[in-house]
Amino acid sequence: MKRVRSAGPANVITPKPMVVAGVMSGTSADGVDVALVRIAPGRIGGKPKLKLLGHVHTSYSPRLRAAVLAAMDAQSVTAADLARLHWRLGQVYGDAVVAAELKLSLRAKLVGVHGQTVYHQGAAAKYLGAALRCTWQLGEAAEIAGRTGLPVVSDFRPADMVAGGQGAPLVPMLDRVLYADTARNRILQNLGGIANMTALPAGSDAVLAFDSGPANVVIDGVMQQLYGKRFDRNGAVAARGRVLQTVVDEVLRMPYFALPAPKSCGREEFGGGFVERFIAECRQAGARDADVVATATALTAQSILQAYRMLVWPFLGQSAPLADATDYIVAGGGARNATLLRMLRESLEPLGIQVSTSEATGIPAEAKEAVAFALLAWLRWHHVPGNVPSATGAARPVLLGKVTL
């Protein structure tokens, strides 16, 4: 029997300004982004105020990246290897925060660490006689606290899952704080390993957010297998290839793409096994290597457009005369892929939607998720709920994250 709990503790702490280090390592497993963010409370009942002070990226070593990808995609990994990777990532995250502080000549008061997701199951499924959701992010918080000398907030997703949510997406809290507007619809598109989208109607507190499908995870996967490279720099390989539309159409018939929001996905759906099948299907259709990359890039663009038409368009209540009051703001590593951005613009701008990147709002494309986890850590430190229930499907707002001193 479950007891119903309130959204947070009774002893609310008065929020105060702090410099927070947000730490993010995403599905692409390319490295660690550290954002140092000054966060201050807004007016009573208002939104917090954020200022990005600086951002530093640290790449994973080839051996560490290989270990992370193996943990994500392998059917079986030893408990010893998972434990060692968990602690090694804690060392890497802690060192990355210290290095960012030194490089930027700043000192944080708090660290918020997302951790490296190695498994995420947002939808409930039966296991050992009970239905459950689960998620697992690696990176030992005690190691991070020991190396930085700072309190650490980590493990953000489980509390939302216990409240009935999918534990994702969590970035919509930042989207609402930074981008909600009284006059314009805002769509915030993150292109990390997975593509996640937040829709904010003009003049409303309503939020729709979900994972639309793959962003870079399939593109990076085919680049690694076919070219031995980690990603398609600037979309140059895709630009040389032809899109195999029959393959894209077949993939878009997967059940995930037809699901309603809220929904979340990861390498469980679009990781190594999917990439191998995708390459095989492209080969059967007569693809050259560049054609496979072009088709993977088109899959990302077209799955986003399909999600926009099916879920976002009716949510915003758009009609043609209102479409030009919509901004589409792209962040994440995919914002650097000129071919992917061209495909998105060719699909969205005829609808009157203005496509730009988060750079125009002062947030580097690679820094946005790290900024989001700085904000979530600040909220948790001050006993303020951090999830957006309409985005995750949770029954109520809850405190996100565990504090390690």
Protein backbone atom coordinates (compact mmCIF):
# COMPACT_ATOMS: atom_id res chain seq x y z
CA MET A 1 0.00 0.00 0.00
CA LYS A 2 1.39 3.38 -1.03
CA ARG A 3 1.12 6.53 1.02
CA VAL A 4 0.54 9.85 -0.68
CA ARG A 5 3.31 12.32 0.06
CA SER A 6 3.42 16.06 -0.30
CA ALA A 7 5.60 17.77 -2.91
CA GLY A 8 8.34 18.71 -0.46
CA PRO A 9 9.39 19.13 3.15
CA ALA A 10 7.80 21.66 5.46
CA ASN A 11 11.09 23.33 6.39
CA VAL A 12 11.51 25.35 3.20
CA ILE A 13 14.89 27.08 2.87
CA THR A 14 14.87 30.69 1.70
CA PRO A 15 16.52 30.66 -1.75
CA LYS A 16 19.69 32.71 -2.13
CA PRO A 17 22.12 33.52 -4.95
CA MET A 18 24.74 30.86 -5.65
CA VAL A 19 27.24 29.91 -8.33
CA VAL A 20 26.40 26.33 -9.29
CA ALA A 21 28.40 23.95 -11.46
CA GLY A 22 26.11 21.94 -13.72
CA VAL A 23 27.66 18.76 -15.12
CA MET A 24 26.24 16.84 -18.07
CA SER A 25 27.35 13.78 -20.03
CA GLY A 26 24.76 12.71 -22.55
CA THR A 27 23.69 9.76 -24.64
CA SER A 28 26.37 10.45 -27.25
CA ALA A 29 29.01 9.72 -24.57
CA ASP A 30 31.45 12.18 -26.10
CA GLY A 31 32.55 13.78 -22.84
CA VAL A 32 31.61 16.09 -19.98
CA ASP A 33 30.15 19.59 -20.17
CA VAL A 34 30.53 21.82 -17.10
CA ALA A 35 28.55 25.08 -16.93
CA LEU A 36 29.16 27.55 -14.13
CA VAL A 37 25.91 29.42 -13.58
CA ARG A 38 24.97 32.20 -11.20
CA ILE A 39 21.42 31.56 -10.00
CA ALA A 40 19.40 33.96 -7.89
CA PRO A 41 15.78 33.91 -6.72
CA GLY A 42 13.33 36.05 -8.64
CA ARG A 43 10.70 38.20 -7.07
CA ILE A 44 8.34 36.49 -4.66
CA GLY A 45 6.61 33.75 -6.60
CA GLY A 46 8.70 34.56 -9.69
CA LYS A 47 11.18 32.57 -11.74
CA PRO A 48 14.83 32.23 -10.73
CA LYS A 49 17.31 34.41 -12.59
CA LEU A 50 20.19 32.68 -14.36
CA LYS A 51 23.45 33.94 -15.83
CA LEU A 52 25.87 31.58 -17.55
CA LEU A 53 29.36 32.57 -16.39
CA GLY A 54 31.27 30.07 -18.48
CA HIS A 55 31.28 26.62 -20.04
CA VAL A 56 34.04 24.04 -20.45
CA HIS A 57 33.92 20.75 -22.37
CA THR A 58 36.18 17.82 -21.49
CA SER A 59 36.29 14.92 -23.94
CA TYR A 60 36.27 11.34 -22.72
CA SER A 61 39.43 9.42 -23.48
CA PRO A 62 38.91 6.77 -26.19
CA ARG A 63 39.17 3.98 -23.59
CA LEU A 64 36.66 5.62 -21.25
CA ARG A 65 34.21 6.28 -24.07
CA ALA A 66 34.51 2.67 -25.20
CA ALA A 67 33.76 1.49 -21.65
CA VAL A 68 30.72 3.76 -21.40
CA LEU A 69 29.33 2.63 -24.75
CA ALA A 70 29.90 -1.00 -23.80
CA ALA A 71 27.97 -0.50 -20.57
CA MET A 72 25.10 1.13 -22.48
CA ASP A 73 24.75 -1.37 -25.29
CA ALA A 74 26.02 -4.67 -23.90
CA GLN A 75 23.59 -7.43 -23.03
CA SER A 76 25.76 -8.39 -20.07
CA VAL A 77 28.42 -6.42 -18.19
CA THR A 78 30.09 -7.66 -15.04
CA ALA A 79 29.13 -6.10 -11.74
CA ALA A 80 32.80 -5.34 -11.16
CA ASP A 81 33.09 -3.36 -14.41
CA LEU A 82 29.93 -1.36 -13.66
CA ALA A 83 31.14 -0.55 -10.15
CA ARG A 84 34.56 0.50 -11.41
CA LEU A 85 33.05 2.63 -14.18
CA HIS A 86 30.71 4.28 -11.66
CA TRP A 87 33.64 5.36 -9.50
CA ARG A 88 35.89 6.27 -12.43
CA LEU A 89 33.22 8.58 -13.82
CA GLY A 90 32.92 10.20 -10.39
CA GLN A 91 36.64 10.98 -10.61
CA VAL A 92 36.26 12.35 -14.13
CA TYR A 93 33.30 14.57 -13.19
CA GLY A 94 34.99 15.90 -10.07
CA ASP A 95 38.18 16.70 -11.97
CA ALA A 96 36.17 18.37 -14.75
CA VAL A 97 34.50 20.72 -12.25
CA VAL A 98 37.84 21.66 -10.69
CA ALA A 99 39.38 22.21 -14.13
CA ALA A 100 36.45 24.42 -15.18
CA GLU A 101 36.76 26.51 -12.00
CA LEU A 102 40.46 27.02 -12.65
CA LYS A 103 40.03 27.85 -16.32
CA LEU A 104 37.22 30.34 -15.65
CA SER A 105 38.73 31.73 -12.41
CA LEU A 106 35.47 31.04 -10.58
CA ARG A 107 34.46 29.05 -7.52
CA ALA A 108 31.16 27.18 -7.26
CA LYS A 109 29.19 26.62 -4.06
CA LEU A 110 27.21 23.60 -5.30
CA VAL A 111 27.49 20.92 -8.00
CA GLY A 112 24.62 19.35 -9.93
CA VAL A 113 25.59 16.16 -11.80
CA HIS A 114 23.29 14.33 -14.17
CA GLY A 115 25.60 11.32 -14.50
CA GLN A 116 26.05 8.94 -17.42
CA THR A 117 22.87 7.07 -18.26
CA VAL A 118 23.56 3.41 -18.92
CA TYR A 119 19.95 2.25 -18.77
CA HIS A 120 16.61 4.05 -18.91
CA GLN A 121 13.18 2.40 -18.95
CA GLY A 122 10.59 5.14 -18.77
CA ALA A 123 7.53 2.96 -19.34
CA ALA A 124 6.47 0.45 -16.69
CA ALA A 125 7.14 -3.20 -17.47
CA LYS A 126 6.87 -6.42 -15.49
CA TYR A 127 9.99 -7.68 -13.71
CA LEU A 128 10.04 -10.46 -11.11
CA GLY A 129 6.29 -10.26 -10.69
CA ALA A 130 5.91 -6.49 -10.38
CA ALA A 131 5.54 -3.61 -12.81
CA LEU A 132 8.27 -1.00 -12.52
CA ARG A 133 10.09 1.84 -14.22
CA CYS A 134 13.82 2.22 -13.73
CA THR A 135 16.80 4.34 -14.66
CA TRP A 136 20.50 4.28 -13.85
CA GLN A 137 23.04 7.09 -14.11
CA LEU A 138 26.67 6.33 -13.23
CA GLY A 139 29.09 8.70 -11.45
CA GLU A 140 29.81 8.31 -7.73
CA ALA A 141 28.67 11.51 -5.99
CA ALA A 142 30.91 10.96 -2.93
CA GLU A 143 33.93 10.92 -5.25
CA ILE A 144 32.80 14.18 -6.86
CA ALA A 145 32.23 15.82 -3.46
CA GLY A 146 35.64 14.64 -2.26
CA ARG A 147 37.47 16.04 -5.28
CA THR A 148 35.63 19.37 -5.41
CA GLY A 149 35.09 20.00 -1.69
CA LEU A 150 31.50 20.93 -2.55
CA PRO A 151 28.05 19.49 -1.84
CA VAL A 152 26.75 17.50 -4.81
CA VAL A 153 23.21 16.92 -6.04
CA SER A 154 22.92 13.83 -8.24
CA ASP A 155 20.52 11.06 -9.26
CA PHE A 156 17.78 13.43 -10.41
CA ARG A 157 15.46 11.06 -12.26
CA PRO A 158 14.25 8.42 -9.73
CA ALA A 159 12.02 10.68 -7.62
CA ASP A 160 9.97 11.61 -10.67
CA MET A 161 9.60 7.92 -11.57
CA VAL A 162 8.39 7.04 -8.09
CA ALA A 163 5.76 9.75 -8.56
CA GLY A 164 4.54 7.98 -11.70
CA GLY A 165 6.62 9.85 -14.26
CA GLN A 166 9.14 8.67 -16.82
CA GLY A 167 12.05 10.52 -15.21
CA ALA A 168 12.50 12.42 -18.46
CA PRO A 169 12.66 14.92 -19.93
CA LEU A 170 13.90 17.18 -17.10
CA VAL A 171 15.24 20.11 -19.14
CA PRO A 172 11.71 21.61 -19.54
CA MET A 173 12.12 23.27 -16.12
CA LEU A 174 14.97 25.34 -17.58
CA ASP A 175 13.03 25.91 -20.80
CA ARG A 176 10.11 27.36 -18.86
CA VAL A 177 12.37 29.59 -16.75
CA LEU A 178 14.39 30.96 -19.67
CA TYR A 179 12.10 30.94 -22.67
CA ALA A 180 8.39 31.22 -21.79
CA ASP A 181 7.04 34.32 -23.54
CA THR A 182 3.79 36.25 -23.41
CA ALA A 183 3.60 36.94 -27.15
CA ARG A 184 5.32 34.07 -28.95
CA ASN A 185 5.11 30.30 -28.92
CA ARG A 186 8.48 28.78 -28.14
CA ILE A 187 9.69 25.32 -29.16
CA LEU A 188 12.97 24.26 -27.57
CA GLN A 189 14.65 21.46 -29.50
CA ASN A 190 17.59 19.65 -27.95
CA LEU A 191 19.70 17.59 -30.34
CA GLY A 192 21.90 15.47 -28.12
CA GLY A 193 22.06 11.72 -28.56
CA ILE A 194 18.25 11.76 -28.31
CA ALA A 195 16.02 14.52 -29.68
CA ASN A 196 13.80 16.08 -27.02
CA MET A 197 11.30 18.85 -27.59
CA THR A 198 9.60 21.33 -25.26
CA ALA A 199 6.61 23.37 -26.43
CA LEU A 200 5.61 26.53 -24.54
CA PRO A 201 2.43 28.25 -25.78
CA ALA A 202 2.50 32.05 -25.74
CA GLY A 203 1.10 33.58 -22.55
CA SER A 204 0.49 30.22 -20.87
CA ASP A 205 2.03 28.13 -18.10
CA ALA A 206 1.24 24.94 -20.04
CA VAL A 207 4.18 22.73 -21.07
CA LEU A 208 4.40 19.82 -23.48
CA ALA A 209 7.70 17.94 -23.61
CA PHE A 210 8.86 14.54 -24.83
CA ASP A 211 11.61 12.64 -26.64
CA SER A 212 10.79 12.52 -30.34
CA GLY A 213 13.39 9.85 -31.17
CA PRO A 214 17.04 9.81 -32.23
CA ALA A 215 19.08 12.96 -32.77
CA ASN A 216 22.80 12.18 -33.01
CA VAL A 217 22.82 8.66 -31.63
CA VAL A 218 22.14 6.93 -34.96
CA ILE A 219 24.23 9.39 -37.00
CA ASP A 220 27.17 8.92 -34.64
CA GLY A 221 26.69 5.16 -34.64
CA VAL A 222 26.87 4.82 -38.42
CA MET A 223 29.81 7.23 -38.58
CA GLN A 224 31.71 5.10 -36.07
CA GLN A 225 30.98 1.86 -37.90
CA LEU A 226 31.50 3.11 -41.46
CA TYR A 227 34.17 5.79 -41.08
CA GLY A 228 35.77 5.13 -37.68
CA LYS A 229 34.83 8.67 -36.60
CA ARG A 230 32.82 9.80 -33.59
CA PHE A 231 30.46 12.11 -35.48
CA ASP A 232 29.74 13.74 -38.83
CA ARG A 233 31.51 17.09 -38.44
CA ASN A 234 29.24 19.87 -39.70
CA GLY A 235 27.13 17.25 -41.51
CA ALA A 236 29.72 17.10 -44.31
CA VAL A 237 29.36 13.37 -45.02
CA ALA A 238 25.55 13.52 -45.03
CA ALA A 239 25.71 16.42 -47.48
CA ARG A 240 27.46 14.13 -50.00
CA GLY A 241 24.93 11.32 -49.71
CA ARG A 242 21.42 10.66 -50.95
CA VAL A 243 18.51 9.99 -48.62
CA LEU A 244 16.90 6.56 -48.93
CA GLN A 245 13.33 7.60 -48.21
CA THR A 246 11.99 4.04 -48.20
CA VAL A 247 14.28 3.22 -45.26
CA VAL A 248 13.23 6.35 -43.37
CA ASP A 249 9.56 5.56 -43.96
CA GLU A 250 10.02 2.01 -42.68
CA VAL A 251 11.75 3.14 -39.48
CA LEU A 252 9.10 5.78 -38.81
CA ARG A 253 6.54 2.97 -38.62
CA MET A 254 8.14 1.79 -35.36
CA PRO A 255 5.57 1.91 -32.52
CA TYR A 256 7.57 4.47 -30.52
CA PHE A 257 6.98 7.25 -33.04
CA ALA A 258 3.19 6.86 -32.79
CA LEU A 259 3.08 7.02 -28.97
CA PRO A 260 1.46 10.05 -27.33
CA ALA A 261 3.38 12.30 -24.96
CA PRO A 262 4.80 12.07 -22.39
CA LYS A 263 7.35 9.58 -23.66
CA SER A 264 11.11 9.04 -23.40
CA CYS A 265 13.67 6.87 -25.17
CA GLY A 266 17.40 6.20 -25.34
CA ARG A 267 20.00 3.73 -26.51
CA GLU A 268 17.64 0.97 -25.44
CA GLU A 269 15.63 1.79 -28.59
CA PHE A 270 18.23 3.43 -30.86
CA GLY A 271 21.64 2.14 -29.75
CA GLY A 272 24.10 -0.32 -31.23
CA GLY A 273 21.62 -3.03 -32.19
CA PHE A 274 19.37 -0.53 -33.97
CA VAL A 275 22.36 0.97 -35.82
CA GLU A 276 23.43 -2.45 -37.15
CA ARG A 277 19.92 -3.17 -38.44
CA PHE A 278 19.68 0.33 -39.92
CA ILE A 279 22.93 -0.09 -41.86
CA ALA A 280 21.78 -3.50 -43.14
CA GLU A 281 18.49 -2.03 -44.38
CA CYS A 282 20.33 0.79 -46.13
CA ARG A 283 22.70 -1.71 -47.79
CA GLN A 284 19.75 -3.73 -49.05
CA ALA A 285 18.44 -0.53 -50.64
CA GLY A 286 21.77 -0.04 -52.45
CA ALA A 287 23.33 2.59 -50.17
CA ARG A 288 26.89 3.82 -50.30
CA ASP A 289 28.48 4.82 -46.99
CA ALA A 290 27.58 8.50 -47.41
CA ASP A 291 24.00 7.52 -48.26
CA VAL A 292 23.69 5.71 -44.91
CA VAL A 293 24.78 8.84 -43.05
CA ALA A 294 22.44 11.04 -45.10
CA THR A 295 19.55 8.66 -44.39
CA ALA A 296 20.32 8.62 -40.65
CA THR A 297 20.34 12.42 -40.67
CA ALA A 298 17.02 12.50 -42.52
CA LEU A 299 15.56 10.06 -39.99
CA THR A 300 16.34 12.55 -37.21
CA ALA A 301 14.86 15.49 -39.13
CA GLN A 302 11.73 13.68 -40.30
CA SER A 303 10.99 12.07 -36.93
CA ILE A 304 11.13 15.54 -35.37
CA LEU A 305 8.80 16.95 -38.03
CA GLN A 306 6.38 14.03 -37.57
CA ALA A 307 6.35 14.63 -33.81
CA TYR A 308 5.78 18.33 -34.38
CA ARG A 309 2.79 17.73 -36.64
CA MET A 310 1.27 14.97 -34.49
CA LEU A 311 1.82 16.40 -30.99
CA VAL A 312 3.06 20.00 -30.93
CA TRP A 313 0.88 21.56 -33.62
CA PRO A 314 -2.45 20.63 -31.93
CA PHE A 315 -1.05 21.45 -28.48
CA LEU A 316 -0.20 25.00 -29.52
CA GLY A 317 -3.59 25.32 -31.22
CA GLN A 318 -1.90 26.74 -34.28
CA SER A 319 -3.47 27.82 -37.48
CA ALA A 320 -1.66 29.24 -40.46
CA PRO A 321 -2.01 32.95 -39.46
CA LEU A 322 -0.53 32.23 -36.01
CA ALA A 323 2.37 30.04 -37.14
CA ASP A 324 4.70 33.01 -37.68
CA ALA A 325 4.51 33.72 -33.94
CA THR A 326 6.50 30.56 -33.22
CA ASP A 327 10.23 30.41 -32.44
CA TYR A 328 12.09 27.11 -32.80
CA ILE A 329 15.33 27.24 -30.78
CA VAL A 330 17.86 24.44 -31.24
CA ALA A 331 20.55 23.37 -28.75
CA GLY A 332 22.79 20.34 -28.27
CA GLY A 333 25.61 18.99 -30.39
CA GLY A 334 23.30 18.53 -33.38
CA ALA A 335 22.99 22.31 -33.65
CA ARG A 336 26.51 22.16 -35.17
CA ASN A 337 25.35 19.81 -37.94
CA ALA A 338 24.64 22.11 -40.88
CA THR A 339 22.97 19.37 -42.93
CA LEU A 340 20.59 18.45 -40.12
CA LEU A 341 19.73 22.11 -39.51
CA ARG A 342 19.13 22.62 -43.23
CA MET A 343 16.71 19.69 -43.28
CA LEU A 344 14.85 21.08 -40.26
CA ARG A 345 14.67 24.58 -41.75
CA GLU A 346 13.40 23.25 -45.09
CA SER A 347 10.56 21.51 -43.25
CA LEU A 348 9.68 24.11 -40.60
CA GLU A 349 10.25 27.52 -42.15
CA PRO A 350 7.55 27.03 -44.83
CA LEU A 351 5.18 26.77 -41.86
CA GLY A 352 6.25 30.25 -40.75
CA ILE A 353 8.38 28.93 -37.89
CA GLN A 354 11.58 30.85 -37.17
CA VAL A 355 14.52 28.45 -36.64
CA SER A 356 17.56 29.58 -34.64
CA THR A 357 20.01 28.14 -32.11
CA SER A 358 20.39 28.83 -28.41
CA GLU A 359 23.53 30.84 -29.20
CA ALA A 360 21.24 33.77 -29.98
CA THR A 361 19.96 33.68 -26.38
CA GLY A 362 23.43 33.55 -24.83
CA ILE A 363 23.55 29.79 -24.20
CA PRO A 364 26.12 27.82 -26.25
CA ALA A 365 24.45 24.86 -27.91
CA GLU A 366 26.58 22.33 -26.02
CA ALA A 367 26.06 24.02 -22.63
CA LYS A 368 22.28 24.06 -22.30
CA GLU A 369 21.78 20.70 -20.56
CA ALA A 370 24.59 21.42 -18.12
CA VAL A 371 22.88 24.74 -17.30
CA ALA A 372 19.64 22.82 -16.75
CA PHE A 373 21.21 20.55 -14.13
CA ALA A 374 22.78 23.53 -12.38
CA LEU A 375 19.25 24.94 -12.04
CA LEU A 376 17.82 21.60 -10.86
CA ALA A 377 20.56 21.33 -8.24
CA TRP A 378 19.83 24.87 -7.03
CA LEU A 379 16.14 24.04 -6.74
CA ARG A 380 16.84 20.83 -4.81
CA TRP A 381 19.25 22.63 -2.46
CA HIS A 382 16.45 25.06 -1.60
CA HIS A 383 13.78 22.32 -1.30
CA VAL A 384 11.90 23.40 -4.44
CA PRO A 385 10.39 20.74 -6.75
CA GLY A 386 12.23 20.47 -10.08
CA ASN A 387 10.09 18.30 -12.34
CA VAL A 388 7.38 19.46 -14.75
CA PRO A 389 4.65 16.82 -14.33
CA SER A 390 3.05 17.55 -17.71
CA ALA A 391 6.41 16.78 -19.33
CA THR A 392 7.28 13.59 -17.47
CA GLY A 393 3.84 12.23 -16.66
CA ALA A 394 4.39 12.39 -12.89
CA ALA A 395 1.34 12.68 -10.64
CA ARG A 396 2.76 15.66 -8.74
CA PRO A 397 5.76 17.99 -8.41
CA VAL A 398 8.61 16.41 -6.44
CA LEU A 399 12.10 17.23 -5.20
CA LEU A 400 14.64 15.88 -7.65
CA GLY A 401 18.07 14.62 -6.68
CA LYS A 402 20.01 13.28 -3.73
CA VAL A 403 22.41 15.49 -1.77
CA THR A 404 25.91 14.28 -0.93
CA LEU A 405 27.94 16.45 1.43
